Amino acid sequence: MILRGPIFFGAAVQRGWRTAIAALFTESIFCVLSAGFYGAVVQILKDAEPQWLTGIFLTIAMPVTFQVLEYLLHWFRGTPHLRIAAIVSLLVSAVSALFNWYAMRRGTLLVGREAGGFGGDLRRLPRLLLGFLAVLPRKIVRKSQSRAKFKVGINSPDLSNER
């Protein structure tokens, strides 16, 4: 709700405060009803293999499924500018699912027997967020370094047989 509520509020505010509050309320109800289920699915799949398939499921299949339900709820409720709000919400949901997966794989934001403590989770969130934001840049650097090593290995002469 904290991430997607303002999206629908902003989409509806041009039609007046009453409409914007109604859109925010609609999104809040949807989040209350769906957040626990969404989090439970991510937690169940946190260690699933292969990771690439889990990532695709969590960033595409799950958000699309939930966004269809969210779209229908807002459409029924009459939220204006729904198409653009739904697209932005889908993108936010995909990134949010990836972050939750990342955090859960590191023992944070878990419930049940695997749970640590809420206070500890809150203390770890800033570091987890920085680590999450650094994942893609690190992969790019590693990939470019491995390509550079590969090129050096191909282009450098083999001097081991020369004496």
N, C-alpha and C. Protein backbone atom coordinates (compact mmCIF):
# COMPACT_ATOMS: atom_id res chain seq x y z
N MET A 1 0.82 -1.18 0.00
CA MET A 1 0.00 0.00 0.00
C MET A 1 0.87 1.26 0.00
N ILE A 2 1.95 1.22 0.73
CA ILE A 2 2.82 2.39 0.82
C ILE A 2 3.41 2.73 -0.54
N LEU A 3 3.71 1.70 -1.33
CA LEU A 3 4.31 1.95 -2.64
C LEU A 3 3.27 2.19 -3.73
N ARG A 4 2.22 1.39 -3.75
CA ARG A 4 1.25 1.48 -4.85
C ARG A 4 0.08 2.41 -4.57
N GLY A 5 -0.24 2.64 -3.30
CA GLY A 5 -1.34 3.55 -2.98
C GLY A 5 -1.18 4.93 -3.59
N PRO A 6 0.00 5.55 -3.43
CA PRO A 6 0.19 6.88 -4.04
C PRO A 6 0.06 6.88 -5.56
N ILE A 7 0.34 5.77 -6.20
CA ILE A 7 0.21 5.70 -7.67
C ILE A 7 -1.25 5.93 -8.06
N PHE A 8 -2.15 5.20 -7.42
CA PHE A 8 -3.57 5.32 -7.75
C PHE A 8 -4.15 6.63 -7.24
N PHE A 9 -3.67 7.11 -6.10
CA PHE A 9 -4.09 8.41 -5.59
C PHE A 9 -3.72 9.49 -6.61
N GLY A 10 -2.46 9.46 -7.08
CA GLY A 10 -1.99 10.45 -8.04
C GLY A 10 -2.73 10.38 -9.37
N ALA A 11 -3.07 9.16 -9.79
CA ALA A 11 -3.79 9.01 -11.05
C ALA A 11 -5.19 9.61 -10.96
N ALA A 12 -5.78 9.57 -9.78
CA ALA A 12 -7.16 10.00 -9.61
C ALA A 12 -7.32 11.43 -9.13
N VAL A 13 -6.28 12.06 -8.64
CA VAL A 13 -6.40 13.37 -7.99
C VAL A 13 -6.90 14.46 -8.95
N GLN A 14 -6.69 14.31 -10.23
CA GLN A 14 -7.18 15.31 -11.19
C GLN A 14 -8.70 15.40 -11.19
N ARG A 15 -9.35 14.33 -10.78
CA ARG A 15 -10.81 14.31 -10.73
C ARG A 15 -11.34 14.76 -9.37
N GLY A 16 -10.45 15.18 -8.50
CA GLY A 16 -10.88 15.70 -7.20
C GLY A 16 -10.41 14.82 -6.06
N TRP A 17 -10.43 15.42 -4.86
CA TRP A 17 -9.94 14.74 -3.67
C TRP A 17 -10.80 13.53 -3.32
N ARG A 18 -12.08 13.64 -3.51
CA ARG A 18 -12.97 12.53 -3.17
C ARG A 18 -12.63 11.30 -4.02
N THR A 19 -12.40 11.50 -5.29
CA THR A 19 -12.04 10.40 -6.20
C THR A 19 -10.67 9.84 -5.84
N ALA A 20 -9.74 10.72 -5.51
CA ALA A 20 -8.38 10.28 -5.15
C ALA A 20 -8.40 9.46 -3.87
N ILE A 21 -9.17 9.90 -2.88
CA ILE A 21 -9.28 9.15 -1.62
C ILE A 21 -9.94 7.80 -1.87
N ALA A 22 -10.93 7.78 -2.75
CA ALA A 22 -11.60 6.51 -3.08
C ALA A 22 -10.62 5.54 -3.74
N ALA A 23 -9.77 6.04 -4.63
CA ALA A 23 -8.77 5.19 -5.28
C ALA A 23 -7.76 4.68 -4.26
N LEU A 24 -7.33 5.55 -3.35
CA LEU A 24 -6.39 5.14 -2.30
C LEU A 24 -7.03 4.10 -1.38
N PHE A 25 -8.27 4.29 -1.02
CA PHE A 25 -9.00 3.34 -0.19
C PHE A 25 -9.13 1.99 -0.90
N THR A 26 -9.46 2.03 -2.18
CA THR A 26 -9.58 0.80 -2.97
C THR A 26 -8.26 0.05 -2.99
N GLU A 27 -7.17 0.76 -3.21
CA GLU A 27 -5.84 0.12 -3.23
C GLU A 27 -5.49 -0.42 -1.85
N SER A 28 -5.84 0.30 -0.81
CA SER A 28 -5.57 -0.16 0.55
C SER A 28 -6.29 -1.47 0.83
N ILE A 29 -7.54 -1.55 0.45
CA ILE A 29 -8.31 -2.79 0.64
C ILE A 29 -7.66 -3.94 -0.13
N PHE A 30 -7.27 -3.68 -1.36
CA PHE A 30 -6.63 -4.72 -2.17
C PHE A 30 -5.33 -5.20 -1.50
N CYS A 31 -4.54 -4.25 -1.03
CA CYS A 31 -3.27 -4.62 -0.39
C CYS A 31 -3.47 -5.42 0.89
N VAL A 32 -4.44 -5.02 1.68
CA VAL A 32 -4.73 -5.76 2.92
C VAL A 32 -5.11 -7.20 2.60
N LEU A 33 -5.90 -7.38 1.54
CA LEU A 33 -6.37 -8.72 1.18
C LEU A 33 -5.30 -9.57 0.50
N SER A 34 -4.36 -8.95 -0.18
CA SER A 34 -3.42 -9.72 -1.00
C SER A 34 -1.99 -9.80 -0.46
N ALA A 35 -1.58 -8.88 0.39
CA ALA A 35 -0.17 -8.80 0.81
C ALA A 35 0.31 -10.07 1.51
N GLY A 36 -0.46 -10.59 2.40
CA GLY A 36 -0.05 -11.80 3.13
C GLY A 36 0.13 -12.99 2.21
N PHE A 37 -0.79 -13.15 1.28
CA PHE A 37 -0.69 -14.25 0.33
C PHE A 37 0.55 -14.08 -0.55
N TYR A 38 0.75 -12.87 -1.04
CA TYR A 38 1.88 -12.55 -1.90
C TYR A 38 3.20 -12.85 -1.18
N GLY A 39 3.30 -12.37 0.06
CA GLY A 39 4.51 -12.61 0.86
C GLY A 39 4.73 -14.08 1.14
N ALA A 40 3.64 -14.81 1.39
CA ALA A 40 3.76 -16.25 1.66
C ALA A 40 4.29 -16.99 0.44
N VAL A 41 3.83 -16.63 -0.73
CA VAL A 41 4.31 -17.29 -1.95
C VAL A 41 5.80 -17.00 -2.15
N VAL A 42 6.20 -15.75 -1.95
CA VAL A 42 7.62 -15.41 -2.09
C VAL A 42 8.45 -16.20 -1.08
N GLN A 43 7.99 -16.30 0.16
CA GLN A 43 8.73 -17.04 1.18
C GLN A 43 8.82 -18.52 0.84
N ILE A 44 7.75 -19.10 0.33
CA ILE A 44 7.78 -20.52 -0.07
C ILE A 44 8.80 -20.75 -1.17
N LEU A 45 8.92 -19.79 -2.09
CA LEU A 45 9.81 -19.94 -3.25
C LEU A 45 11.21 -19.37 -3.04
N LYS A 46 11.51 -18.87 -1.84
CA LYS A 46 12.78 -18.17 -1.63
C LYS A 46 14.00 -19.02 -1.96
N ASP A 47 13.94 -20.32 -1.76
CA ASP A 47 15.08 -21.19 -2.04
C ASP A 47 14.85 -22.09 -3.26
N ALA A 48 13.82 -21.80 -4.03
CA ALA A 48 13.49 -22.65 -5.18
C ALA A 48 14.57 -22.57 -6.25
N GLU A 49 14.75 -23.66 -6.94
CA GLU A 49 15.70 -23.74 -8.05
C GLU A 49 14.97 -24.18 -9.31
N PRO A 50 15.39 -23.79 -10.45
CA PRO A 50 16.48 -22.86 -10.72
C PRO A 50 16.07 -21.42 -10.38
N GLN A 51 17.04 -20.66 -9.93
CA GLN A 51 16.76 -19.29 -9.50
C GLN A 51 16.24 -18.42 -10.64
N TRP A 52 16.76 -18.63 -11.85
CA TRP A 52 16.32 -17.79 -12.96
C TRP A 52 14.81 -17.98 -13.22
N LEU A 53 14.33 -19.21 -13.09
CA LEU A 53 12.91 -19.48 -13.31
C LEU A 53 12.07 -18.90 -12.17
N THR A 54 12.58 -19.01 -10.95
CA THR A 54 11.90 -18.42 -9.80
C THR A 54 11.82 -16.90 -9.98
N GLY A 55 12.92 -16.30 -10.42
CA GLY A 55 12.93 -14.86 -10.66
C GLY A 55 11.91 -14.43 -11.71
N ILE A 56 11.81 -15.20 -12.78
CA ILE A 56 10.82 -14.88 -13.82
C ILE A 56 9.41 -15.00 -13.25
N PHE A 57 9.16 -16.07 -12.51
CA PHE A 57 7.84 -16.25 -11.92
C PHE A 57 7.49 -15.11 -10.98
N LEU A 58 8.45 -14.72 -10.13
CA LEU A 58 8.18 -13.68 -9.14
C LEU A 58 8.10 -12.28 -9.73
N THR A 59 8.77 -12.04 -10.87
CA THR A 59 8.75 -10.69 -11.44
C THR A 59 7.77 -10.54 -12.60
N ILE A 60 7.28 -11.65 -13.13
CA ILE A 60 6.34 -11.54 -14.25
C ILE A 60 5.00 -12.19 -13.91
N ALA A 61 5.01 -13.49 -13.66
CA ALA A 61 3.75 -14.22 -13.48
C ALA A 61 2.95 -13.74 -12.26
N MET A 62 3.60 -13.64 -11.12
CA MET A 62 2.88 -13.20 -9.91
C MET A 62 2.38 -11.76 -10.04
N PRO A 63 3.24 -10.80 -10.40
CA PRO A 63 2.72 -9.43 -10.51
C PRO A 63 1.59 -9.30 -11.54
N VAL A 64 1.72 -9.97 -12.68
CA VAL A 64 0.66 -9.86 -13.69
C VAL A 64 -0.65 -10.41 -13.13
N THR A 65 -0.59 -11.56 -12.47
CA THR A 65 -1.80 -12.14 -11.89
C THR A 65 -2.45 -11.19 -10.89
N PHE A 66 -1.65 -10.66 -9.98
CA PHE A 66 -2.19 -9.75 -8.97
C PHE A 66 -2.64 -8.43 -9.60
N GLN A 67 -1.92 -7.97 -10.61
CA GLN A 67 -2.30 -6.70 -11.24
C GLN A 67 -3.61 -6.83 -12.00
N VAL A 68 -3.88 -7.98 -12.56
CA VAL A 68 -5.17 -8.18 -13.23
C VAL A 68 -6.30 -8.04 -12.20
N LEU A 69 -6.12 -8.67 -11.05
CA LEU A 69 -7.12 -8.56 -9.98
C LEU A 69 -7.23 -7.11 -9.50
N GLU A 70 -6.09 -6.46 -9.33
CA GLU A 70 -6.08 -5.07 -8.90
C GLU A 70 -6.77 -4.17 -9.93
N TYR A 71 -6.47 -4.39 -11.19
CA TYR A 71 -7.07 -3.61 -12.28
C TYR A 71 -8.59 -3.76 -12.27
N LEU A 72 -9.04 -5.00 -12.16
CA LEU A 72 -10.49 -5.25 -12.15
C LEU A 72 -11.17 -4.55 -10.97
N LEU A 73 -10.54 -4.60 -9.82
CA LEU A 73 -11.10 -3.93 -8.64
C LEU A 73 -11.20 -2.43 -8.86
N HIS A 74 -10.12 -1.84 -9.38
CA HIS A 74 -10.14 -0.39 -9.63
C HIS A 74 -11.10 -0.03 -10.77
N TRP A 75 -11.18 -0.87 -11.77
CA TRP A 75 -12.10 -0.62 -12.89
C TRP A 75 -13.53 -0.63 -12.39
N PHE A 76 -13.85 -1.63 -11.57
CA PHE A 76 -15.19 -1.74 -10.99
C PHE A 76 -15.50 -0.52 -10.13
N ARG A 77 -14.51 -0.05 -9.42
CA ARG A 77 -14.66 1.09 -8.51
C ARG A 77 -14.69 2.42 -9.26
N GLY A 78 -14.19 2.43 -10.52
CA GLY A 78 -14.21 3.65 -11.34
C GLY A 78 -12.99 4.54 -11.19
N THR A 79 -11.85 3.98 -10.83
CA THR A 79 -10.63 4.77 -10.70
C THR A 79 -10.24 5.34 -12.06
N PRO A 80 -10.06 6.66 -12.16
CA PRO A 80 -9.67 7.26 -13.44
C PRO A 80 -8.19 7.03 -13.75
N HIS A 81 -7.86 7.20 -15.04
CA HIS A 81 -6.49 7.05 -15.53
C HIS A 81 -5.91 5.70 -15.10
N LEU A 82 -6.72 4.70 -15.20
CA LEU A 82 -6.38 3.38 -14.66
C LEU A 82 -5.26 2.70 -15.43
N ARG A 83 -5.22 2.85 -16.73
CA ARG A 83 -4.21 2.14 -17.52
C ARG A 83 -2.79 2.51 -17.11
N ILE A 84 -2.50 3.79 -17.04
CA ILE A 84 -1.14 4.21 -16.68
C ILE A 84 -0.84 3.85 -15.22
N ALA A 85 -1.81 4.00 -14.34
CA ALA A 85 -1.61 3.63 -12.93
C ALA A 85 -1.31 2.14 -12.82
N ALA A 86 -2.02 1.32 -13.58
CA ALA A 86 -1.81 -0.13 -13.53
C ALA A 86 -0.43 -0.51 -14.06
N ILE A 87 0.04 0.16 -15.09
CA ILE A 87 1.36 -0.13 -15.65
C ILE A 87 2.44 0.23 -14.62
N VAL A 88 2.35 1.40 -14.03
CA VAL A 88 3.33 1.82 -13.02
C VAL A 88 3.27 0.87 -11.82
N SER A 89 2.06 0.51 -11.41
CA SER A 89 1.89 -0.42 -10.29
C SER A 89 2.51 -1.78 -10.60
N LEU A 90 2.37 -2.24 -11.82
CA LEU A 90 2.97 -3.52 -12.22
C LEU A 90 4.49 -3.47 -12.10
N LEU A 91 5.10 -2.39 -12.55
CA LEU A 91 6.55 -2.24 -12.45
C LEU A 91 7.00 -2.20 -10.98
N VAL A 92 6.27 -1.46 -10.17
CA VAL A 92 6.59 -1.38 -8.74
C VAL A 92 6.45 -2.75 -8.10
N SER A 93 5.42 -3.47 -8.47
CA SER A 93 5.20 -4.81 -7.91
C SER A 93 6.32 -5.77 -8.29
N ALA A 94 6.79 -5.69 -9.51
CA ALA A 94 7.86 -6.58 -9.96
C ALA A 94 9.15 -6.30 -9.17
N VAL A 95 9.50 -5.04 -9.04
CA VAL A 95 10.71 -4.69 -8.29
C VAL A 95 10.54 -5.04 -6.81
N SER A 96 9.36 -4.79 -6.27
CA SER A 96 9.09 -5.13 -4.88
C SER A 96 9.20 -6.63 -4.63
N ALA A 97 8.68 -7.43 -5.55
CA ALA A 97 8.78 -8.89 -5.41
C ALA A 97 10.24 -9.33 -5.45
N LEU A 98 11.02 -8.74 -6.34
CA LEU A 98 12.45 -9.07 -6.40
C LEU A 98 13.16 -8.71 -5.09
N PHE A 99 12.84 -7.53 -4.55
CA PHE A 99 13.47 -7.13 -3.30
C PHE A 99 13.07 -8.07 -2.17
N ASN A 100 11.79 -8.40 -2.08
CA ASN A 100 11.34 -9.32 -1.03
C ASN A 100 12.03 -10.67 -1.15
N TRP A 101 12.17 -11.16 -2.36
CA TRP A 101 12.86 -12.43 -2.60
C TRP A 101 14.32 -12.33 -2.14
N TYR A 102 14.97 -11.23 -2.53
CA TYR A 102 16.36 -10.98 -2.14
C TYR A 102 16.49 -10.96 -0.62
N ALA A 103 15.59 -10.22 0.05
CA ALA A 103 15.65 -10.10 1.51
C ALA A 103 15.36 -11.44 2.19
N MET A 104 14.38 -12.17 1.68
CA MET A 104 14.02 -13.45 2.30
C MET A 104 15.12 -14.48 2.12
N ARG A 105 15.81 -14.45 1.01
CA ARG A 105 16.93 -15.37 0.80
C ARG A 105 18.06 -15.08 1.79
N ARG A 106 18.05 -13.90 2.38
CA ARG A 106 19.06 -13.51 3.36
C ARG A 106 18.50 -13.52 4.78
N GLY A 107 17.36 -14.19 4.97
CA GLY A 107 16.81 -14.40 6.30
C GLY A 107 16.03 -13.25 6.90
N THR A 108 15.60 -12.32 6.07
CA THR A 108 14.87 -11.15 6.55
C THR A 108 13.46 -11.14 5.94
N LEU A 109 12.53 -10.52 6.64
CA LEU A 109 11.13 -10.39 6.23
C LEU A 109 10.40 -11.74 6.20
N LEU A 110 10.86 -12.67 7.00
CA LEU A 110 10.25 -14.00 7.06
C LEU A 110 9.24 -14.06 8.20
N VAL A 111 8.28 -14.97 8.07
CA VAL A 111 7.31 -15.20 9.13
C VAL A 111 7.35 -16.68 9.51
N GLY A 112 6.72 -16.99 10.62
CA GLY A 112 6.66 -18.39 11.05
C GLY A 112 7.95 -18.82 11.71
N ARG A 113 8.28 -20.12 11.57
CA ARG A 113 9.47 -20.68 12.22
C ARG A 113 10.77 -20.05 11.74
N GLU A 114 10.78 -19.57 10.50
CA GLU A 114 12.01 -18.99 9.93
C GLU A 114 12.24 -17.54 10.35
N ALA A 115 11.24 -16.94 10.97
CA ALA A 115 11.30 -15.52 11.29
C ALA A 115 12.37 -15.22 12.33
N GLY A 116 13.01 -14.09 12.13
CA GLY A 116 13.92 -13.56 13.15
C GLY A 116 13.08 -12.71 14.07
N GLY A 117 13.32 -11.46 14.06
CA GLY A 117 12.49 -10.53 14.82
C GLY A 117 12.23 -9.31 13.97
N PHE A 118 11.10 -8.67 14.18
CA PHE A 118 10.74 -7.51 13.38
C PHE A 118 11.75 -6.39 13.54
N GLY A 119 12.20 -6.16 14.77
CA GLY A 119 13.19 -5.12 15.01
C GLY A 119 14.49 -5.38 14.28
N GLY A 120 14.95 -6.63 14.31
CA GLY A 120 16.16 -6.99 13.59
C GLY A 120 15.99 -6.83 12.09
N ASP A 121 14.81 -7.20 11.60
CA ASP A 121 14.53 -7.02 10.17
C ASP A 121 14.61 -5.55 9.78
N LEU A 122 14.02 -4.70 10.62
CA LEU A 122 14.05 -3.26 10.33
C LEU A 122 15.48 -2.72 10.32
N ARG A 123 16.30 -3.20 11.26
CA ARG A 123 17.71 -2.74 11.30
C ARG A 123 18.47 -3.20 10.06
N ARG A 124 18.15 -4.36 9.52
CA ARG A 124 18.86 -4.89 8.36
C ARG A 124 18.38 -4.31 7.03
N LEU A 125 17.20 -3.71 7.00
CA LEU A 125 16.63 -3.23 5.74
C LEU A 125 17.50 -2.23 4.98
N PRO A 126 18.09 -1.21 5.61
CA PRO A 126 18.91 -0.28 4.82
C PRO A 126 20.07 -0.99 4.10
N ARG A 127 20.75 -1.87 4.81
CA ARG A 127 21.87 -2.59 4.20
C ARG A 127 21.39 -3.53 3.08
N LEU A 128 20.25 -4.17 3.32
CA LEU A 128 19.67 -5.03 2.29
C LEU A 128 19.28 -4.23 1.05
N LEU A 129 18.72 -3.06 1.26
CA LEU A 129 18.33 -2.22 0.13
C LEU A 129 19.56 -1.82 -0.69
N LEU A 130 20.63 -1.44 -0.01
CA LEU A 130 21.86 -1.08 -0.73
C LEU A 130 22.43 -2.30 -1.48
N GLY A 131 22.42 -3.46 -0.83
CA GLY A 131 22.89 -4.67 -1.48
C GLY A 131 22.05 -5.02 -2.69
N PHE A 132 20.73 -4.86 -2.56
CA PHE A 132 19.81 -5.14 -3.67
C PHE A 132 20.09 -4.21 -4.84
N LEU A 133 20.28 -2.93 -4.55
CA LEU A 133 20.54 -1.96 -5.62
C LEU A 133 21.89 -2.20 -6.28
N ALA A 134 22.81 -2.87 -5.59
CA ALA A 134 24.14 -3.12 -6.13
C ALA A 134 24.23 -4.43 -6.92
N VAL A 135 23.19 -5.26 -6.89
CA VAL A 135 23.26 -6.57 -7.55
C VAL A 135 23.54 -6.42 -9.05
N LEU A 136 22.75 -5.62 -9.73
CA LEU A 136 22.92 -5.48 -11.18
C LEU A 136 24.27 -4.85 -11.54
N PRO A 137 24.68 -3.75 -10.91
CA PRO A 137 26.00 -3.20 -11.23
C PRO A 137 27.14 -4.21 -10.99
N ARG A 138 27.05 -5.00 -9.91
CA ARG A 138 28.08 -6.01 -9.65
C ARG A 138 28.13 -7.06 -10.75
N LYS A 139 26.95 -7.51 -11.21
CA LYS A 139 26.91 -8.51 -12.28
C LYS A 139 27.50 -7.95 -13.56
N ILE A 140 27.24 -6.70 -13.85
CA ILE A 140 27.78 -6.08 -15.06
C ILE A 140 29.31 -6.00 -14.96
N VAL A 141 29.82 -5.59 -13.81
CA VAL A 141 31.27 -5.50 -13.62
C VAL A 141 31.91 -6.88 -13.76
N ARG A 142 31.34 -7.90 -13.10
CA ARG A 142 31.89 -9.26 -13.20
C ARG A 142 31.89 -9.76 -14.63
N LYS A 143 30.81 -9.49 -15.34
CA LYS A 143 30.70 -9.94 -16.73
C LYS A 143 31.76 -9.25 -17.60
N SER A 144 31.94 -7.96 -17.40
CA SER A 144 32.94 -7.24 -18.20
C SER A 144 34.36 -7.69 -17.84
N GLN A 145 34.60 -7.99 -16.56
CA GLN A 145 35.92 -8.48 -16.15
C GLN A 145 36.19 -9.86 -16.74
N SER A 146 35.19 -10.74 -16.76
CA SER A 146 35.41 -12.07 -17.32
C SER A 146 35.61 -11.99 -18.83
N ARG A 147 34.93 -11.07 -19.50
CA ARG A 147 35.15 -10.89 -20.94
C ARG A 147 36.54 -10.35 -21.22
N ALA A 148 37.00 -9.43 -20.36
CA ALA A 148 38.34 -8.86 -20.54
C ALA A 148 39.39 -9.95 -20.35
N LYS A 149 39.22 -10.81 -19.36
CA LYS A 149 40.16 -11.92 -19.15
C LYS A 149 40.14 -12.88 -20.31
N PHE A 150 38.95 -13.13 -20.86
CA PHE A 150 38.81 -14.02 -21.99
C PHE A 150 39.53 -13.46 -23.21
N LYS A 151 39.37 -12.15 -23.47
CA LYS A 151 40.03 -11.52 -24.60
C LYS A 151 41.54 -11.54 -24.44
N VAL A 152 42.03 -11.30 -23.24
CA VAL A 152 43.46 -11.33 -22.98
C VAL A 152 44.00 -12.73 -23.25
N GLY A 153 43.27 -13.75 -22.84
CA GLY A 153 43.69 -15.13 -23.06
C GLY A 153 43.73 -15.49 -24.53
N ILE A 154 42.85 -14.95 -25.34
CA ILE A 154 42.82 -15.26 -26.77
C ILE A 154 43.88 -14.48 -27.52
N ASN A 155 44.05 -13.22 -27.20
CA ASN A 155 44.92 -12.34 -27.96
C ASN A 155 46.37 -12.39 -27.54
N SER A 156 46.67 -12.88 -26.36
CA SER A 156 48.06 -12.89 -25.94
C SER A 156 48.75 -14.13 -26.46
N PRO A 157 49.97 -13.96 -26.91
CA PRO A 157 50.71 -15.11 -27.46
C PRO A 157 51.05 -16.12 -26.37
N ASP A 158 51.09 -17.36 -26.76
CA ASP A 158 51.45 -18.43 -25.82
C ASP A 158 52.99 -18.54 -25.84
N LEU A 159 53.62 -18.06 -24.79
CA LEU A 159 55.07 -18.04 -24.70
C LEU A 159 55.59 -19.20 -23.90
N SER A 160 54.75 -20.14 -23.52
CA SER A 160 55.18 -21.22 -22.65
C SER A 160 56.14 -22.20 -23.36
N ASN A 161 56.05 -22.32 -24.69
CA ASN A 161 56.93 -23.25 -25.40
C ASN A 161 58.24 -22.60 -25.86
N GLU A 162 58.32 -21.29 -25.78
CA GLU A 162 59.53 -20.62 -26.21
C GLU A 162 60.58 -20.65 -25.10
N ARG A 163 61.86 -20.78 -25.51
CA ARG A 163 62.93 -20.79 -24.51
C ARG A 163 63.96 -19.77 -24.80
